[in-house]
Amino acid sequence: MRLTDQEVDAIAHMVAAKMESGAGRRPVIAGNWKMHKTPCETGTALQALVPLVSKTACEVVIAPAYPCLDRAARAIAGSNIRLCAQNIHWEPQGAFTGEVSTDMVLDLGVTHVIVGHSERRLFFGETDESVNRRTTVALEKGLAPIVCVGESLAEREAGRAKDVVGAQVRGCLAGLDGNRVSRLMLAYEPVWAIGTGKVAGPQQAQEIHAEIRQLLSSMYGEDVAQAVRILYGGSVKPDNAAALMAEPDVDGALVGGASLKPTDMAAICNAAA
């Protein structure tokens, strides 16, 4: 869908107002590649992406599949792109077939990790408790967690979106002090918008993001609440990114399918900046 000139002007005005507000939160665009791309394809895509985002003001993060992390690290070496794992286990080692530890990904140059993605919750039994354990060890090891929360369609239609998201935030951050919380990111990803082509409108996203920030303020104080970056995830594309990012409490995006194409990922970064 192509924006009208009036819509473009309105979004530009909102972005300018946001930048002048003094919040000081650097936008983050994180690409979650899920179970896509071979190591060779990962290297090729990242080599194409590096020059396209070299001058962006955003923090750019890419999360390829585990077998592709080494190839990705080599492809982005010396660039402004940061490497992200799609998950980590809370134990340093052991008989946990199919899991990876923080030390394993750190050795590959990983700096960020996605924790509690809705697909992990839906298909692999992830809970707020396990997300909390993964988040805690990630922070202890110096990784920057992107902690995911979000409601289902049934929960939203029942008017429970704020309650569900609030409970997830409390559960995922249980036992963490403000200093550690200020170093992580939260990603609001309404489950009904993941990979469906549906997207929460800017005002819907802002409403939940503002609720999350208010909750953080009540839990940890206003300084921590203002420091935490809250990303939106759910069918983010070049044509809707600017409107979403213009909202005052939307500090970036966790991008799925659109991040697989370098030109689309770069366009989203430019829209956020």
Protein backbone atom coordinates (compact mmCIF):
# COMPACT_ATOMS: atom_id res chain seq x y z
CA MET A 1 0.00 0.00 0.00
CA ARG A 2 1.45 3.36 -1.03
CA LEU A 3 1.22 6.25 1.43
CA THR A 4 -0.22 9.56 0.34
CA ASP A 5 1.89 12.71 0.52
CA GLN A 6 -0.19 13.88 3.47
CA GLU A 7 0.44 10.63 5.34
CA VAL A 8 4.18 10.84 4.65
CA ASP A 9 4.25 14.43 5.95
CA ALA A 10 2.31 13.44 9.08
CA ILE A 11 4.68 10.57 9.83
CA ALA A 12 7.73 12.79 9.28
CA HIS A 13 6.29 15.31 11.72
CA MET A 14 5.71 12.57 14.32
CA VAL A 15 9.25 11.22 13.91
CA ALA A 16 10.70 14.72 14.30
CA ALA A 17 8.66 15.30 17.44
CA LYS A 18 9.82 11.98 18.85
CA MET A 19 13.47 12.81 18.21
CA GLU A 20 13.03 16.19 19.91
CA SER A 21 11.38 14.66 22.97
CA GLY A 22 14.74 13.80 24.48
CA ALA A 23 13.97 10.16 25.27
CA GLY A 24 17.44 9.30 23.99
CA ARG A 25 16.64 5.69 23.10
CA ARG A 26 18.49 4.57 19.99
CA PRO A 27 16.17 2.70 17.61
CA VAL A 28 16.81 -1.02 17.22
CA ILE A 29 15.89 -3.06 14.17
CA ALA A 30 16.40 -6.77 14.81
CA GLY A 31 15.95 -9.29 12.03
CA ASN A 32 14.86 -12.76 13.15
CA TRP A 33 15.63 -15.16 10.32
CA LYS A 34 14.04 -18.14 12.11
CA MET A 35 14.62 -21.43 10.20
CA HIS A 36 15.57 -19.81 6.91
CA LYS A 37 18.79 -19.64 4.86
CA THR A 38 21.72 -22.01 4.67
CA PRO A 39 25.16 -20.83 5.84
CA CYS A 40 26.06 -19.94 2.25
CA GLU A 41 22.83 -18.02 1.73
CA THR A 42 23.36 -16.25 5.05
CA GLY A 43 26.79 -15.03 4.02
CA THR A 44 25.52 -13.78 0.66
CA ALA A 45 22.55 -11.93 2.18
CA LEU A 46 24.64 -10.26 4.87
CA GLN A 47 27.30 -9.17 2.42
CA ALA A 48 24.52 -7.43 0.51
CA LEU A 49 23.03 -5.90 3.66
CA VAL A 50 26.24 -4.46 5.16
CA PRO A 51 26.64 -1.51 2.74
CA LEU A 52 22.90 -0.80 2.74
CA VAL A 53 22.83 -0.08 6.49
CA SER A 54 26.36 1.23 6.99
CA LYS A 55 25.18 4.78 7.69
CA THR A 56 21.94 4.11 9.53
CA ALA A 57 21.40 5.65 12.95
CA CYS A 58 19.71 2.45 14.11
CA GLU A 59 21.24 -0.41 16.01
CA VAL A 60 21.01 -3.25 13.49
CA VAL A 61 20.81 -6.82 14.78
CA ILE A 62 20.53 -10.05 12.79
CA ALA A 63 19.57 -13.45 14.23
CA PRO A 64 20.36 -16.26 11.77
CA ALA A 65 19.88 -19.96 12.51
CA TYR A 66 22.47 -21.60 14.77
CA PRO A 67 24.42 -23.38 11.97
CA CYS A 68 24.82 -20.02 10.21
CA LEU A 69 26.24 -17.99 13.11
CA ASP A 70 29.89 -18.52 12.18
CA ARG A 71 29.34 -17.60 8.52
CA ALA A 72 27.29 -14.59 9.61
CA ALA A 73 30.01 -13.41 11.99
CA ARG A 74 32.55 -13.45 9.17
CA ALA A 75 30.20 -11.66 6.77
CA ILE A 76 29.51 -8.75 9.16
CA ALA A 77 33.02 -8.42 10.61
CA GLY A 78 33.97 -4.75 10.87
CA SER A 79 30.43 -3.56 10.14
CA ASN A 80 27.79 -1.94 12.36
CA ILE A 81 25.59 -5.07 12.32
CA ARG A 82 25.37 -7.03 15.57
CA LEU A 83 24.98 -10.80 15.73
CA CYS A 84 22.10 -12.36 17.63
CA ALA A 85 21.23 -15.93 18.67
CA GLN A 86 17.62 -17.08 18.46
CA ASN A 87 17.72 -18.71 21.90
CA ILE A 88 20.11 -19.95 24.62
CA HIS A 89 19.91 -22.42 27.50
CA TRP A 90 20.42 -21.34 31.11
CA GLU A 91 22.92 -24.10 31.94
CA PRO A 92 26.58 -23.68 30.92
CA GLN A 93 26.82 -27.27 29.62
CA GLY A 94 25.26 -30.70 30.06
CA ALA A 95 22.96 -33.33 28.64
CA PHE A 96 20.56 -30.97 26.89
CA THR A 97 20.30 -32.31 23.36
CA GLY A 98 19.46 -29.62 20.83
CA GLU A 99 20.26 -26.69 23.14
CA VAL A 100 23.16 -24.22 23.05
CA SER A 101 24.89 -22.39 25.88
CA THR A 102 25.85 -18.76 26.28
CA ASP A 103 29.56 -19.61 26.03
CA MET A 104 28.98 -21.36 22.71
CA VAL A 105 27.37 -18.34 21.09
CA LEU A 106 29.70 -15.84 22.75
CA ASP A 107 32.64 -17.69 21.20
CA LEU A 108 31.09 -16.98 17.79
CA GLY A 109 30.82 -13.25 18.40
CA VAL A 110 27.15 -13.13 19.38
CA THR A 111 26.15 -10.02 21.35
CA HIS A 112 22.34 -10.33 21.49
CA VAL A 113 19.85 -13.12 22.04
CA ILE A 114 16.10 -13.46 21.44
CA VAL A 115 14.35 -14.99 24.44
CA GLY A 116 10.76 -16.24 24.69
CA HIS A 117 9.67 -15.68 21.10
CA SER A 118 6.00 -16.56 20.60
CA GLU A 119 6.94 -19.50 18.39
CA ARG A 120 9.11 -20.89 21.19
CA ARG A 121 6.16 -20.54 23.56
CA LEU A 122 3.65 -22.00 21.11
CA PHE A 123 5.60 -24.92 19.65
CA PHE A 124 8.28 -25.74 22.23
CA GLY A 125 6.66 -25.19 25.61
CA GLU A 126 8.48 -22.02 26.61
CA THR A 127 7.07 -20.44 29.78
CA ASP A 128 7.62 -17.18 31.63
CA GLU A 129 9.74 -19.14 34.12
CA SER A 130 12.04 -20.59 31.48
CA VAL A 131 12.25 -17.22 29.75
CA ASN A 132 13.27 -15.71 33.07
CA ARG A 133 16.03 -18.28 33.51
CA ARG A 134 17.36 -17.69 30.00
CA THR A 135 17.18 -13.92 30.41
CA THR A 136 19.00 -14.03 33.74
CA VAL A 137 21.94 -16.07 32.45
CA ALA A 138 22.15 -13.98 29.27
CA LEU A 139 22.55 -10.82 31.35
CA GLU A 140 25.07 -12.49 33.64
CA LYS A 141 27.18 -13.40 30.61
CA GLY A 142 26.98 -9.95 29.03
CA LEU A 143 24.51 -10.72 26.25
CA ALA A 144 21.74 -8.24 25.44
CA PRO A 145 18.43 -10.15 25.64
CA ILE A 146 15.43 -9.28 23.49
CA VAL A 147 12.64 -10.59 25.72
CA CYS A 148 9.39 -11.27 23.87
CA VAL A 149 5.86 -10.87 25.22
CA GLY A 150 2.46 -10.75 23.56
CA GLU A 151 -1.14 -11.89 23.67
CA SER A 152 -3.10 -14.31 21.50
CA LEU A 153 -6.06 -13.27 19.36
CA ALA A 154 -8.50 -14.86 21.84
CA GLU A 155 -6.92 -12.94 24.71
CA ARG A 156 -7.12 -9.67 22.80
CA GLU A 157 -10.74 -10.22 21.80
CA ALA A 158 -11.55 -10.99 25.44
CA GLY A 159 -10.11 -7.60 26.44
CA ARG A 160 -7.22 -9.21 28.32
CA ALA A 161 -4.26 -8.00 26.24
CA LYS A 162 -2.87 -5.63 28.88
CA ASP A 163 -3.33 -8.14 31.70
CA VAL A 164 -1.65 -10.94 29.75
CA VAL A 165 1.29 -8.83 28.64
CA GLY A 166 1.72 -7.35 32.11
CA ALA A 167 1.82 -10.83 33.68
CA GLN A 168 4.40 -11.94 31.12
CA VAL A 169 6.62 -8.93 31.81
CA ARG A 170 6.49 -9.58 35.56
CA GLY A 171 7.20 -13.28 35.13
CA CYS A 172 10.01 -12.88 32.62
CA LEU A 173 11.78 -10.22 34.71
CA ALA A 174 11.21 -11.81 38.13
CA GLY A 175 14.21 -11.44 40.43
CA LEU A 176 16.04 -8.99 38.16
CA ASP A 177 17.07 -5.62 39.57
CA GLY A 178 16.76 -2.32 37.75
CA ASN A 179 20.40 -2.23 36.70
CA ARG A 180 20.06 -5.50 34.81
CA VAL A 181 16.64 -4.69 33.41
CA SER A 182 17.95 -1.43 31.94
CA ARG A 183 20.35 -3.50 29.79
CA LEU A 184 17.71 -5.63 28.10
CA MET A 185 15.09 -4.98 25.44
CA LEU A 186 11.46 -6.03 25.41
CA ALA A 187 9.66 -6.96 22.23
CA TYR A 188 5.89 -6.74 22.10
CA GLU A 189 4.75 -9.22 19.48
CA PRO A 190 1.00 -9.88 19.42
CA VAL A 191 0.78 -13.58 18.56
CA TRP A 192 -2.07 -12.93 16.11
CA ALA A 193 0.23 -10.74 14.00
CA ILE A 194 3.21 -13.11 13.70
CA GLY A 195 3.59 -14.21 10.10
CA THR A 196 -0.07 -13.60 9.34
CA GLY A 197 0.24 -10.37 7.40
CA LYS A 198 -1.88 -8.72 10.09
CA VAL A 199 -0.28 -5.93 12.06
CA ALA A 200 -1.28 -3.96 15.11
CA GLY A 201 -1.99 -0.41 14.05
CA PRO A 202 0.37 2.25 15.36
CA GLN A 203 -2.09 3.30 18.06
CA GLN A 204 -2.65 -0.32 19.15
CA ALA A 205 1.09 -0.88 19.39
CA GLN A 206 1.62 2.40 21.23
CA GLU A 207 -1.11 1.56 23.74
CA ILE A 208 0.59 -1.68 24.81
CA HIS A 209 4.10 -0.21 24.66
CA ALA A 210 3.02 2.66 26.90
CA GLU A 211 1.43 0.16 29.29
CA ILE A 212 4.69 -1.83 29.42
CA ARG A 213 6.72 1.31 30.11
CA GLN A 214 4.32 2.36 32.86
CA LEU A 215 4.63 -1.10 34.40
CA LEU A 216 8.43 -0.89 34.26
CA SER A 217 8.24 2.48 35.99
CA SER A 218 6.16 1.03 38.81
CA MET A 219 8.54 -1.92 39.16
CA TYR A 220 11.93 -0.25 38.76
CA GLY A 221 11.48 3.52 38.65
CA GLU A 222 11.17 6.04 35.85
CA ASP A 223 14.87 6.08 34.92
CA VAL A 224 14.88 2.37 34.17
CA ALA A 225 11.54 2.58 32.36
CA GLN A 226 12.86 5.31 30.09
CA ALA A 227 16.09 3.41 29.42
CA VAL A 228 14.48 0.16 28.26
CA ARG A 229 13.87 -0.06 24.54
CA ILE A 230 10.56 -1.68 23.58
CA LEU A 231 10.37 -3.13 20.09
CA TYR A 232 7.30 -4.04 18.09
CA GLY A 233 7.17 -7.41 16.33
CA GLY A 234 4.48 -8.69 14.02
CA SER A 235 4.47 -8.43 10.21
CA VAL A 236 6.65 -5.29 10.13
CA LYS A 237 7.38 -4.26 6.55
CA PRO A 238 8.87 -1.23 4.77
CA ASP A 239 5.40 0.22 4.13
CA ASN A 240 4.25 0.20 7.76
CA ALA A 241 7.54 0.65 9.63
CA ALA A 242 7.67 4.45 9.63
CA ALA A 243 4.19 4.87 11.10
CA LEU A 244 4.93 2.33 13.84
CA MET A 245 8.32 3.85 14.70
CA ALA A 246 6.84 7.34 14.93
CA GLU A 247 4.94 6.38 18.08
CA PRO A 248 6.69 7.70 21.22
CA ASP A 249 7.08 4.34 22.98
CA VAL A 250 7.95 2.22 19.94
CA ASP A 251 11.74 2.04 19.93
CA GLY A 252 12.29 -0.31 17.04
CA ALA A 253 11.14 -3.58 15.57
CA LEU A 254 11.68 -7.32 15.72
CA VAL A 255 11.30 -8.14 12.03
CA GLY A 256 10.58 -11.59 10.63
CA GLY A 257 10.04 -12.30 6.96
CA ALA A 258 10.89 -8.81 5.69
CA SER A 259 14.37 -9.03 7.25
CA LEU A 260 15.30 -11.90 4.93
CA LYS A 261 15.53 -9.51 1.99
CA PRO A 262 18.43 -7.03 2.37
CA THR A 263 16.67 -4.17 0.58
CA ASP A 264 13.55 -4.53 2.74
CA MET A 265 15.59 -4.73 5.94
CA ALA A 266 17.51 -1.61 4.95
CA ALA A 267 14.27 0.21 4.13
CA ILE A 268 12.90 -0.59 7.60
CA CYS A 269 16.12 0.68 9.19
CA ASN A 270 15.83 3.91 7.23
CA ALA A 271 12.19 4.30 8.25
CA ALA A 272 13.10 3.87 11.92
CA ALA A 273 15.97 6.34 11.80
